[in-house]
């Protein structure tokens, strides 16, 4: 066997080994992507559930509470029955803003988009979510204040004010913690996408 034939044989073996290695790396990459996609879907399912809960509150709970208060307080003056209409308006506003955020994120299609497109969707959603929170701050403050006034009968009942304030504050803190958890999930998804694109 000549030197050339030996070199050719070694070259063929190296090529074959490289082919096996390349195939193995591709398999590992596919498995890694599948694991990441599952992690992304799991995180998105939590966010999807949160939005659906908010939609339920806006479309079902808020109108029911609004009707109940309207019937209860209609004869007591605008400061009472106006409160029920304000609840309904806040519910409608929250629904519209949350729906925009939800549609921007496009949860159902997100795991199947290209990395660039999904990254843009998440970033746009974060900006819109921040805008939504700023818009809702004043209506929420007014809603809390009005709730306390109605609960205390527009009088300085310290016990009623304290209990109502505590209940409202607890509800707000719970909502805030859920929002923070959603932000962390989206940040984790962005990190997964960056890793897959080799940006880290």
N, C-alpha and C. Protein backbone atom coordinates (compact mmCIF):
# COMPACT_ATOMS: atom_id res chain seq x y z
N UNK A 1 0.85 -1.19 0.00
CA UNK A 1 0.00 0.00 0.00
C UNK A 1 0.89 1.24 0.00
N UNK A 2 0.62 2.13 -0.93
CA UNK A 2 1.44 3.33 -1.06
C UNK A 2 1.10 4.35 0.02
N UNK A 3 1.99 5.34 0.15
CA UNK A 3 1.78 6.40 1.14
C UNK A 3 0.49 7.17 0.85
N UNK A 4 0.24 7.35 -0.43
CA UNK A 4 -0.95 8.08 -0.83
C UNK A 4 -2.23 7.32 -0.42
N UNK A 5 -2.23 6.04 -0.62
CA UNK A 5 -3.39 5.21 -0.27
C UNK A 5 -3.61 5.21 1.25
N UNK A 6 -2.50 5.17 2.01
CA UNK A 6 -2.60 5.21 3.48
C UNK A 6 -3.21 6.54 3.93
N UNK A 7 -2.72 7.63 3.32
CA UNK A 7 -3.23 8.96 3.67
C UNK A 7 -4.71 9.09 3.30
N UNK A 8 -5.08 8.52 2.14
CA UNK A 8 -6.47 8.58 1.70
C UNK A 8 -7.38 7.78 2.66
N UNK A 9 -6.87 6.61 3.07
CA UNK A 9 -7.62 5.76 4.01
C UNK A 9 -7.82 6.48 5.35
N UNK A 10 -6.74 7.12 5.84
CA UNK A 10 -6.82 7.87 7.10
C UNK A 10 -7.80 9.03 6.98
N UNK A 11 -7.75 9.66 5.81
CA UNK A 11 -8.66 10.79 5.55
C UNK A 11 -10.12 10.32 5.58
N UNK A 12 -10.39 9.17 4.95
CA UNK A 12 -11.74 8.61 4.93
C UNK A 12 -12.22 8.25 6.34
N UNK A 13 -11.31 7.71 7.14
CA UNK A 13 -11.67 7.37 8.53
C UNK A 13 -11.98 8.62 9.35
N UNK A 14 -11.15 9.65 9.15
CA UNK A 14 -11.38 10.92 9.84
C UNK A 14 -12.72 11.53 9.42
N UNK A 15 -13.01 11.44 8.13
CA UNK A 15 -14.27 11.98 7.62
C UNK A 15 -15.47 11.25 8.23
N UNK A 16 -15.31 9.91 8.32
CA UNK A 16 -16.38 9.10 8.90
C UNK A 16 -16.58 9.44 10.38
N UNK A 17 -15.44 9.58 11.10
CA UNK A 17 -15.52 9.94 12.52
C UNK A 17 -16.16 11.32 12.71
N UNK A 18 -15.78 12.23 11.82
CA UNK A 18 -16.34 13.58 11.88
C UNK A 18 -17.85 13.53 11.63
N UNK A 19 -18.26 12.70 10.69
CA UNK A 19 -19.68 12.54 10.38
C UNK A 19 -20.45 12.03 11.59
N UNK A 20 -19.89 11.02 12.28
CA UNK A 20 -20.52 10.49 13.50
C UNK A 20 -20.62 11.57 14.57
N UNK A 21 -19.52 12.32 14.72
CA UNK A 21 -19.47 13.39 15.73
C UNK A 21 -20.49 14.47 15.42
N UNK A 22 -20.55 14.85 14.16
CA UNK A 22 -21.50 15.88 13.73
C UNK A 22 -22.95 15.43 13.95
N UNK A 23 -23.22 14.18 13.64
CA UNK A 23 -24.56 13.63 13.85
C UNK A 23 -24.93 13.61 15.33
N UNK A 24 -23.93 13.24 16.17
CA UNK A 24 -24.15 13.20 17.62
C UNK A 24 -24.43 14.60 18.17
N UNK A 25 -23.65 15.58 17.69
CA UNK A 25 -23.84 16.96 18.13
C UNK A 25 -25.21 17.48 17.70
N UNK A 26 -25.63 17.13 16.48
CA UNK A 26 -26.94 17.55 16.00
C UNK A 26 -28.06 16.96 16.85
N UNK A 27 -27.90 15.68 17.22
CA UNK A 27 -28.90 15.02 18.07
C UNK A 27 -28.97 15.70 19.43
N UNK A 28 -27.78 16.03 19.99
CA UNK A 28 -27.74 16.70 21.29
C UNK A 28 -28.39 18.08 21.21
N UNK A 29 -28.14 18.76 20.08
CA UNK A 29 -28.71 20.10 19.90
C UNK A 29 -30.24 20.01 19.83
N UNK A 30 -30.75 19.03 19.10
CA UNK A 30 -32.20 18.83 18.98
C UNK A 30 -32.82 18.52 20.34
N UNK A 31 -32.15 17.62 21.09
CA UNK A 31 -32.64 17.26 22.43
C UNK A 31 -32.63 18.50 23.34
N UNK A 32 -31.53 19.28 23.26
CA UNK A 32 -31.43 20.50 24.08
C UNK A 32 -32.55 21.48 23.73
N UNK A 33 -32.81 21.64 22.42
CA UNK A 33 -33.87 22.55 21.99
C UNK A 33 -35.24 22.07 22.47
N UNK A 34 -35.45 20.76 22.43
CA UNK A 34 -36.72 20.20 22.91
C UNK A 34 -36.91 20.46 24.40
N UNK A 35 -35.83 20.28 25.17
CA UNK A 35 -35.89 20.54 26.62
C UNK A 35 -36.21 22.00 26.88
N UNK A 36 -35.53 22.90 26.14
CA UNK A 36 -35.75 24.33 26.31
C UNK A 36 -37.19 24.70 25.92
N UNK A 37 -37.67 24.12 24.81
CA UNK A 37 -39.04 24.40 24.37
C UNK A 37 -40.06 23.96 25.41
N UNK A 38 -39.81 22.82 26.05
CA UNK A 38 -40.71 22.34 27.11
C UNK A 38 -40.70 23.30 28.30
N UNK A 39 -39.49 23.79 28.63
CA UNK A 39 -39.37 24.75 29.75
C UNK A 39 -40.11 26.05 29.41
N UNK A 40 -39.99 26.47 28.15
CA UNK A 40 -40.67 27.69 27.70
C UNK A 40 -42.18 27.50 27.78
N UNK A 41 -42.67 26.35 27.28
CA UNK A 41 -44.12 26.08 27.30
C UNK A 41 -44.66 26.05 28.73
N UNK A 42 -43.88 25.47 29.64
CA UNK A 42 -44.31 25.37 31.04
C UNK A 42 -44.45 26.75 31.66
N UNK A 43 -43.47 27.63 31.37
CA UNK A 43 -43.52 29.00 31.91
C UNK A 43 -44.66 29.78 31.27
N UNK A 44 -44.87 29.60 29.98
CA UNK A 44 -45.94 30.31 29.29
C UNK A 44 -47.32 29.86 29.77
N UNK A 45 -47.44 28.61 30.18
CA UNK A 45 -48.74 28.11 30.66
C UNK A 45 -49.16 28.85 31.93
N UNK A 46 -48.18 29.20 32.78
CA UNK A 46 -48.48 29.97 34.00
C UNK A 46 -48.97 31.37 33.63
N UNK A 47 -48.30 31.98 32.66
CA UNK A 47 -48.67 33.34 32.24
C UNK A 47 -50.05 33.32 31.58
N UNK A 48 -50.30 32.29 30.76
CA UNK A 48 -51.59 32.13 30.10
C UNK A 48 -52.72 32.01 31.13
N UNK A 49 -52.46 31.23 32.16
CA UNK A 49 -53.46 31.04 33.23
C UNK A 49 -53.71 32.35 33.96
N UNK A 50 -52.66 33.13 34.21
CA UNK A 50 -52.80 34.42 34.90
C UNK A 50 -53.69 35.36 34.09
N UNK A 51 -53.42 35.44 32.78
CA UNK A 51 -54.23 36.32 31.92
C UNK A 51 -55.69 35.87 31.90
N UNK A 52 -55.93 34.58 31.82
CA UNK A 52 -57.31 34.08 31.79
C UNK A 52 -58.05 34.39 33.09
N UNK A 53 -57.34 34.34 34.21
CA UNK A 53 -57.93 34.74 35.50
C UNK A 53 -58.30 36.22 35.51
N UNK A 54 -57.40 37.05 34.94
CA UNK A 54 -57.67 38.49 34.87
C UNK A 54 -58.86 38.77 33.96
N UNK A 55 -58.95 38.04 32.84
CA UNK A 55 -60.09 38.21 31.93
C UNK A 55 -61.39 37.83 32.62
N UNK A 56 -61.35 36.78 33.42
CA UNK A 56 -62.54 36.34 34.16
C UNK A 56 -62.98 37.42 35.14
N UNK A 57 -62.01 38.00 35.85
CA UNK A 57 -62.32 39.06 36.82
C UNK A 57 -62.94 40.27 36.10
N UNK A 58 -62.35 40.65 34.97
CA UNK A 58 -62.81 41.83 34.23
C UNK A 58 -64.18 41.61 33.58
N UNK A 59 -64.38 40.43 32.98
CA UNK A 59 -65.59 40.18 32.20
C UNK A 59 -66.75 39.57 32.99
N UNK A 60 -66.43 38.90 34.10
CA UNK A 60 -67.48 38.22 34.88
C UNK A 60 -67.62 38.84 36.28
N UNK A 61 -66.53 38.81 37.04
CA UNK A 61 -66.61 39.27 38.44
C UNK A 61 -66.96 40.75 38.55
N UNK A 62 -66.26 41.60 37.78
CA UNK A 62 -66.49 43.05 37.87
C UNK A 62 -67.93 43.43 37.51
N UNK A 63 -68.50 42.91 36.41
CA UNK A 63 -69.91 43.24 36.11
C UNK A 63 -70.89 42.75 37.19
N UNK A 64 -70.65 41.54 37.73
CA UNK A 64 -71.54 41.01 38.77
C UNK A 64 -71.51 41.89 40.01
N UNK A 65 -70.29 42.23 40.46
CA UNK A 65 -70.13 43.11 41.65
C UNK A 65 -70.76 44.47 41.36
N UNK A 66 -70.55 44.98 40.14
CA UNK A 66 -71.10 46.27 39.75
C UNK A 66 -72.62 46.28 39.83
N UNK A 67 -73.26 45.23 39.32
CA UNK A 67 -74.73 45.13 39.34
C UNK A 67 -75.24 45.03 40.78
N UNK A 68 -74.56 44.21 41.58
CA UNK A 68 -74.97 44.05 42.99
C UNK A 68 -74.94 45.39 43.73
N UNK A 69 -73.82 46.12 43.58
CA UNK A 69 -73.70 47.42 44.26
C UNK A 69 -74.70 48.43 43.71
N UNK A 70 -74.96 48.37 42.41
CA UNK A 70 -75.91 49.31 41.79
C UNK A 70 -77.30 49.12 42.38
N UNK A 71 -77.70 47.85 42.49
CA UNK A 71 -79.02 47.52 43.06
C UNK A 71 -79.09 47.91 44.54
N UNK A 72 -78.01 47.62 45.27
CA UNK A 72 -77.97 47.91 46.72
C UNK A 72 -78.02 49.40 47.03
N UNK A 73 -77.28 50.19 46.22
CA UNK A 73 -77.06 51.60 46.57
C UNK A 73 -77.75 52.60 45.66
N UNK A 74 -78.60 52.13 44.74
CA UNK A 74 -79.20 53.05 43.75
C UNK A 74 -79.92 54.23 44.41
N UNK A 75 -80.62 53.97 45.50
CA UNK A 75 -81.39 55.03 46.16
C UNK A 75 -80.59 55.90 47.10
N UNK A 76 -79.29 55.63 47.23
CA UNK A 76 -78.47 56.34 48.22
C UNK A 76 -77.67 57.50 47.66
N UNK A 77 -77.77 57.76 46.38
CA UNK A 77 -77.03 58.87 45.80
C UNK A 77 -75.87 58.42 44.91
N UNK A 78 -75.41 59.36 44.11
CA UNK A 78 -74.39 59.05 43.10
C UNK A 78 -73.08 58.57 43.71
N UNK A 79 -72.77 59.04 44.92
CA UNK A 79 -71.49 58.61 45.55
C UNK A 79 -71.48 57.12 45.86
N UNK A 80 -72.70 56.53 45.91
CA UNK A 80 -72.81 55.09 46.15
C UNK A 80 -72.96 54.31 44.85
N UNK A 81 -74.05 54.62 44.07
CA UNK A 81 -74.24 53.83 42.86
C UNK A 81 -73.21 54.18 41.78
N UNK A 82 -72.63 55.38 41.89
CA UNK A 82 -71.55 55.74 40.96
C UNK A 82 -70.34 54.84 41.14
N UNK A 83 -70.18 54.37 42.37
CA UNK A 83 -69.09 53.44 42.69
C UNK A 83 -69.23 52.16 41.87
N UNK A 84 -70.46 51.66 41.72
CA UNK A 84 -70.69 50.43 40.95
C UNK A 84 -70.33 50.63 39.48
N UNK A 85 -70.66 51.80 38.94
CA UNK A 85 -70.31 52.09 37.54
C UNK A 85 -68.80 52.22 37.37
N UNK A 86 -68.15 52.78 38.39
CA UNK A 86 -66.69 52.93 38.33
C UNK A 86 -66.00 51.56 38.32
N UNK A 87 -66.52 50.61 39.11
CA UNK A 87 -65.98 49.24 39.11
C UNK A 87 -66.06 48.65 37.71
N UNK A 88 -67.21 48.85 37.05
CA UNK A 88 -67.42 48.32 35.70
C UNK A 88 -66.45 48.95 34.71
N UNK A 89 -66.26 50.27 34.81
CA UNK A 89 -65.35 50.98 33.90
C UNK A 89 -63.90 50.52 34.08
N UNK A 90 -63.49 50.35 35.34
CA UNK A 90 -62.13 49.87 35.61
C UNK A 90 -61.95 48.45 35.05
N UNK A 91 -62.99 47.62 35.22
CA UNK A 91 -62.95 46.26 34.68
C UNK A 91 -62.80 46.25 33.17
N UNK A 92 -63.54 47.13 32.48
CA UNK A 92 -63.47 47.22 31.01
C UNK A 92 -62.10 47.70 30.58
N UNK A 93 -61.59 48.74 31.26
CA UNK A 93 -60.27 49.28 30.93
C UNK A 93 -59.18 48.22 31.12
N UNK A 94 -59.25 47.51 32.25
CA UNK A 94 -58.26 46.47 32.52
C UNK A 94 -58.33 45.36 31.46
N UNK A 95 -59.55 44.98 31.08
CA UNK A 95 -59.71 43.93 30.07
C UNK A 95 -59.08 44.34 28.74
N UNK A 96 -59.36 45.57 28.29
CA UNK A 96 -58.82 46.05 27.01
C UNK A 96 -57.29 46.06 27.02
N UNK A 97 -56.71 46.59 28.11
CA UNK A 97 -55.24 46.69 28.21
C UNK A 97 -54.59 45.31 28.32
N UNK A 98 -55.19 44.43 29.13
CA UNK A 98 -54.65 43.08 29.28
C UNK A 98 -54.77 42.27 27.98
N UNK A 99 -55.86 42.49 27.25
CA UNK A 99 -56.05 41.79 25.97
C UNK A 99 -54.97 42.21 24.97
N UNK A 100 -54.62 43.48 24.97
CA UNK A 100 -53.54 43.97 24.09
C UNK A 100 -52.22 43.29 24.45
N UNK A 101 -51.93 43.21 25.74
CA UNK A 101 -50.70 42.56 26.20
C UNK A 101 -50.69 41.08 25.80
N UNK A 102 -51.82 40.42 26.01
CA UNK A 102 -51.95 38.98 25.72
C UNK A 102 -51.77 38.71 24.23
N UNK A 103 -52.41 39.53 23.40
CA UNK A 103 -52.28 39.35 21.94
C UNK A 103 -50.88 39.67 21.45
N UNK A 104 -50.23 40.63 22.09
CA UNK A 104 -48.85 40.98 21.71
C UNK A 104 -47.90 39.83 22.00
N UNK A 105 -48.08 39.19 23.16
CA UNK A 105 -47.20 38.06 23.51
C UNK A 105 -47.47 36.84 22.63
N UNK A 106 -48.74 36.64 22.25
CA UNK A 106 -49.14 35.54 21.35
C UNK A 106 -48.65 34.19 21.92
N UNK A 107 -49.12 33.87 23.11
CA UNK A 107 -48.66 32.71 23.88
C UNK A 107 -48.78 31.39 23.10
N UNK A 108 -49.87 31.22 22.37
CA UNK A 108 -50.11 29.94 21.68
C UNK A 108 -49.06 29.66 20.60
N UNK A 109 -48.64 30.71 19.90
CA UNK A 109 -47.71 30.54 18.78
C UNK A 109 -46.24 30.75 19.16
N UNK A 110 -46.03 31.39 20.31
CA UNK A 110 -44.67 31.80 20.70
C UNK A 110 -43.63 30.68 20.66
N UNK A 111 -43.92 29.48 21.22
CA UNK A 111 -42.89 28.42 21.22
C UNK A 111 -42.51 27.92 19.83
N UNK A 112 -43.35 28.22 18.82
CA UNK A 112 -43.11 27.71 17.47
C UNK A 112 -42.56 28.78 16.52
N UNK A 113 -42.36 29.99 17.04
CA UNK A 113 -41.81 31.08 16.22
C UNK A 113 -40.29 30.96 16.11
N UNK A 114 -39.74 31.72 15.18
CA UNK A 114 -38.28 31.81 15.11
C UNK A 114 -37.79 32.51 16.37
N UNK A 115 -36.51 32.30 16.70
CA UNK A 115 -35.97 32.89 17.92
C UNK A 115 -36.03 34.42 17.89
N UNK A 116 -35.76 35.00 16.73
CA UNK A 116 -35.78 36.46 16.59
C UNK A 116 -37.19 36.99 16.82
N UNK A 117 -38.17 36.34 16.19
CA UNK A 117 -39.56 36.78 16.31
C UNK A 117 -40.07 36.63 17.74
N UNK A 118 -39.77 35.49 18.38
CA UNK A 118 -40.24 35.27 19.75
C UNK A 118 -39.58 36.25 20.71
N UNK A 119 -38.31 36.56 20.47
CA UNK A 119 -37.61 37.53 21.31
C UNK A 119 -38.26 38.91 21.19
N UNK A 120 -38.60 39.31 19.97
CA UNK A 120 -39.26 40.60 19.75
C UNK A 120 -40.62 40.65 20.43
N UNK A 121 -41.36 39.53 20.34
CA UNK A 121 -42.68 39.46 20.96
C UNK A 121 -42.59 39.66 22.47
N UNK A 122 -41.63 39.00 23.11
CA UNK A 122 -41.47 39.09 24.56
C UNK A 122 -41.08 40.50 24.98
N UNK A 123 -40.15 41.11 24.24
CA UNK A 123 -39.70 42.47 24.55
C UNK A 123 -40.85 43.47 24.38
N UNK A 124 -41.62 43.34 23.28
CA UNK A 124 -42.77 44.23 23.05
C UNK A 124 -43.82 44.05 24.14
N UNK A 125 -44.02 42.80 24.57
CA UNK A 125 -44.99 42.53 25.64
C UNK A 125 -44.55 43.19 26.94
N UNK A 126 -43.26 43.12 27.26
CA UNK A 126 -42.75 43.72 28.50
C UNK A 126 -42.97 45.23 28.51
N UNK A 127 -42.74 45.88 27.36
CA UNK A 127 -42.96 47.33 27.25
C UNK A 127 -44.45 47.67 27.42
N UNK A 128 -45.30 46.88 26.77
CA UNK A 128 -46.74 47.12 26.84
C UNK A 128 -47.28 46.83 28.24
N UNK A 129 -46.71 45.81 28.90
CA UNK A 129 -47.12 45.47 30.27
C UNK A 129 -46.77 46.62 31.22
N UNK A 130 -45.58 47.21 31.02
CA UNK A 130 -45.14 48.34 31.84
C UNK A 130 -46.08 49.53 31.63
N UNK A 131 -46.46 49.78 30.38
CA UNK A 131 -47.39 50.87 30.04
C UNK A 131 -48.75 50.63 30.70
N UNK A 132 -49.22 49.39 30.64
CA UNK A 132 -50.52 49.01 31.22
C UNK A 132 -50.54 49.27 32.72
N UNK A 133 -49.48 48.88 33.41
CA UNK A 133 -49.40 49.08 34.86
C UNK A 133 -49.45 50.57 35.23
N UNK A 134 -48.78 51.40 34.40
CA UNK A 134 -48.77 52.85 34.66
C UNK A 134 -50.16 53.45 34.45
N UNK A 135 -50.85 52.99 33.39
CA UNK A 135 -52.19 53.51 33.08
C UNK A 135 -53.19 53.14 34.18
N UNK A 136 -53.05 51.91 34.72
CA UNK A 136 -54.02 51.41 35.70
C UNK A 136 -53.78 51.90 37.13
N UNK A 137 -52.63 52.53 37.37
CA UNK A 137 -52.29 52.92 38.75
C UNK A 137 -53.32 53.90 39.34
N UNK A 138 -53.68 54.95 38.59
CA UNK A 138 -54.63 55.94 39.11
C UNK A 138 -56.04 55.36 39.31
N UNK A 139 -56.59 54.62 38.32
CA UNK A 139 -57.90 53.99 38.57
C UNK A 139 -57.90 53.06 39.78
N UNK A 140 -56.79 52.31 39.98
CA UNK A 140 -56.70 51.40 41.13
C UNK A 140 -56.70 52.19 42.45
N UNK A 141 -55.94 53.27 42.48
CA UNK A 141 -55.89 54.10 43.69
C UNK A 141 -57.28 54.67 44.01
N UNK A 142 -57.94 55.18 42.95
CA UNK A 142 -59.29 55.72 43.13
C UNK A 142 -60.27 54.63 43.58
N UNK A 143 -60.11 53.42 43.03
CA UNK A 143 -60.99 52.31 43.39
C UNK A 143 -60.81 51.91 44.86
N UNK A 144 -59.54 51.88 45.30
CA UNK A 144 -59.25 51.54 46.70
C UNK A 144 -59.84 52.60 47.63
N UNK A 145 -59.62 53.87 47.29
CA UNK A 145 -60.12 54.97 48.14
C UNK A 145 -61.64 54.95 48.19
N UNK A 146 -62.29 54.77 47.04
CA UNK A 146 -63.75 54.76 46.98
C UNK A 146 -64.33 53.55 47.74
N UNK A 147 -63.64 52.41 47.62
CA UNK A 147 -64.07 51.20 48.35
C UNK A 147 -64.07 51.45 49.85
N UNK A 148 -63.00 52.09 50.34
CA UNK A 148 -62.88 52.38 51.78
C UNK A 148 -63.99 53.34 52.22
N UNK A 149 -64.27 54.35 51.39
CA UNK A 149 -65.31 55.32 51.73
C UNK A 149 -66.70 54.68 51.77
N UNK A 150 -66.99 53.83 50.78
CA UNK A 150 -68.30 53.15 50.74
C UNK A 150 -68.44 52.19 51.91
N UNK A 151 -67.36 51.42 52.18
CA UNK A 151 -67.38 50.44 53.28
C UNK A 151 -67.58 51.11 54.63
N UNK A 152 -67.04 52.31 54.78
CA UNK A 152 -67.16 53.02 56.07
C UNK A 152 -68.39 53.93 56.11
N UNK A 153 -69.19 53.89 55.04
CA UNK A 153 -70.40 54.73 54.99
C UNK A 153 -70.07 56.20 54.95
N UNK A 154 -68.93 56.54 54.35
CA UNK A 154 -68.44 57.93 54.26
C UNK A 154 -68.31 58.57 55.64
N UNK A 155 -67.96 57.72 56.62
CA UNK A 155 -67.72 58.23 57.97
C UNK A 155 -66.35 57.70 58.44
N UNK A 156 -65.83 58.28 59.51
CA UNK A 156 -64.51 57.89 60.00
C UNK A 156 -64.61 56.72 60.97
N UNK A 157 -65.03 55.57 60.43
CA UNK A 157 -65.08 54.35 61.24
C UNK A 157 -63.71 53.67 61.12
N UNK A 158 -62.89 53.83 62.14
CA UNK A 158 -61.51 53.35 62.10
C UNK A 158 -61.44 51.84 61.85
N UNK A 159 -62.33 51.09 62.51
CA UNK A 159 -62.32 49.62 62.37
C UNK A 159 -62.59 49.20 60.92
N UNK A 160 -63.65 49.79 60.33
CA UNK A 160 -64.03 49.46 58.95
C UNK A 160 -62.93 49.87 57.98
N UNK A 161 -62.40 51.07 58.18
CA UNK A 161 -61.33 51.57 57.30
C UNK A 161 -60.10 50.66 57.38
N UNK A 162 -59.75 50.25 58.61
CA UNK A 162 -58.57 49.40 58.82
C UNK A 162 -58.74 48.04 58.15
N UNK A 163 -59.91 47.42 58.34
CA UNK A 163 -60.17 46.09 57.76
C UNK A 163 -60.19 46.16 56.23
N UNK A 164 -60.88 47.17 55.69
CA UNK A 164 -60.98 47.34 54.23
C UNK A 164 -59.61 47.62 53.62
N UNK A 165 -58.85 48.50 54.27
CA UNK A 165 -57.50 48.84 53.78
C UNK A 165 -56.61 47.61 53.79
N UNK A 166 -56.68 46.82 54.86
CA UNK A 166 -55.86 45.60 54.95
C UNK A 166 -56.21 44.61 53.83
N UNK A 167 -57.53 44.41 53.63
CA UNK A 167 -57.97 43.46 52.59
C UNK A 167 -57.54 43.92 51.20
N UNK A 168 -57.68 45.22 50.93
CA UNK A 168 -57.30 45.77 49.62
C UNK A 168 -55.78 45.69 49.41
N UNK A 169 -55.03 46.03 50.48
CA UNK A 169 -53.57 45.99 50.39
C UNK A 169 -53.08 44.57 50.14
N UNK A 170 -53.71 43.61 50.81
CA UNK A 170 -53.35 42.19 50.62
C UNK A 170 -53.60 41.75 49.18
N UNK A 171 -54.73 42.17 48.64
CA UNK A 171 -55.08 41.84 47.25
C UNK A 171 -54.08 42.46 46.27
N UNK A 172 -53.70 43.71 46.51
CA UNK A 172 -52.74 44.41 45.65
C UNK A 172 -51.37 43.75 45.71
N UNK A 173 -50.93 43.39 46.92
CA UNK A 173 -49.62 42.73 47.08
C UNK A 173 -49.59 41.37 46.39
N UNK A 174 -50.69 40.63 46.48
CA UNK A 174 -50.78 39.34 45.80
C UNK A 174 -50.68 39.51 44.29
N UNK A 175 -51.41 40.49 43.77
CA UNK A 175 -51.35 40.78 42.33
C UNK A 175 -49.96 41.20 41.90
N UNK A 176 -49.30 42.02 42.73
CA UNK A 176 -47.94 42.48 42.42
C UNK A 176 -46.95 41.32 42.40
N UNK A 177 -47.09 40.40 43.35
CA UNK A 177 -46.17 39.24 43.40
C UNK A 177 -46.37 38.33 42.19
N UNK A 178 -47.62 38.20 41.73
CA UNK A 178 -47.89 37.40 40.54
C UNK A 178 -47.29 38.06 39.30
N UNK A 179 -47.37 39.39 39.26
CA UNK A 179 -46.78 40.13 38.13
C UNK A 179 -45.26 39.95 38.10
N UNK A 180 -44.65 40.03 39.26
CA UNK A 180 -43.19 39.84 39.35
C UNK A 180 -42.80 38.42 38.90
N UNK A 181 -43.60 37.44 39.30
CA UNK A 181 -43.33 36.04 38.90
C UNK A 181 -43.43 35.90 37.38
N UNK A 182 -44.41 36.56 36.78
CA UNK A 182 -44.55 36.52 35.32
C UNK A 182 -43.37 37.18 34.62
N UNK A 183 -42.88 38.28 35.18
CA UNK A 183 -41.72 38.98 34.60
C UNK A 183 -40.48 38.08 34.67
N UNK A 184 -40.32 37.40 35.79
CA UNK A 184 -39.18 36.48 35.94
C UNK A 184 -39.25 35.34 34.93
N UNK A 185 -40.47 34.83 34.71
CA UNK A 185 -40.65 33.75 33.74
C UNK A 185 -40.28 34.21 32.33
N UNK A 186 -40.70 35.43 31.98
CA UNK A 186 -40.38 35.96 30.65
C UNK A 186 -38.89 36.23 30.51
N UNK A 187 -38.26 36.72 31.57
CA UNK A 187 -36.81 36.93 31.55
C UNK A 187 -36.08 35.59 31.36
N UNK A 188 -36.57 34.54 32.02
CA UNK A 188 -35.97 33.20 31.88
C UNK A 188 -36.13 32.69 30.45
N UNK A 189 -37.29 32.94 29.83
CA UNK A 189 -37.52 32.53 28.44
C UNK A 189 -36.56 33.26 27.52
N UNK A 190 -36.36 34.55 27.75
CA UNK A 190 -35.41 35.33 26.94
C UNK A 190 -34.00 34.77 27.06
N UNK A 191 -33.62 34.37 28.27
CA UNK A 191 -32.29 33.78 28.50
C UNK A 191 -32.15 32.46 27.72
N UNK A 192 -33.21 31.64 27.74
CA UNK A 192 -33.20 30.38 26.98
C UNK A 192 -32.98 30.65 25.49
N UNK A 193 -33.71 31.65 24.98
CA UNK A 193 -33.61 31.99 23.55
C UNK A 193 -32.20 32.47 23.22
N UNK A 194 -31.63 33.30 24.08
CA UNK A 194 -30.27 33.81 23.85
C UNK A 194 -29.24 32.68 23.84
N UNK A 195 -29.44 31.71 24.74
CA UNK A 195 -28.51 30.56 24.79
C UNK A 195 -28.60 29.77 23.49
N UNK A 196 -29.81 29.54 23.03
CA UNK A 196 -29.98 28.77 21.79
C UNK A 196 -29.38 29.51 20.59
N UNK A 197 -29.41 30.84 20.64
CA UNK A 197 -28.83 31.61 19.53
C UNK A 197 -27.33 31.81 19.70
N UNK A 198 -26.79 31.32 20.81
CA UNK A 198 -25.36 31.44 21.05
C UNK A 198 -24.92 32.84 21.42
N UNK A 199 -25.82 33.60 22.05
CA UNK A 199 -25.49 34.96 22.44
C UNK A 199 -24.91 35.03 23.85
N UNK A 200 -24.83 33.87 24.51
CA UNK A 200 -24.24 33.83 25.87
C UNK A 200 -23.05 32.89 25.88
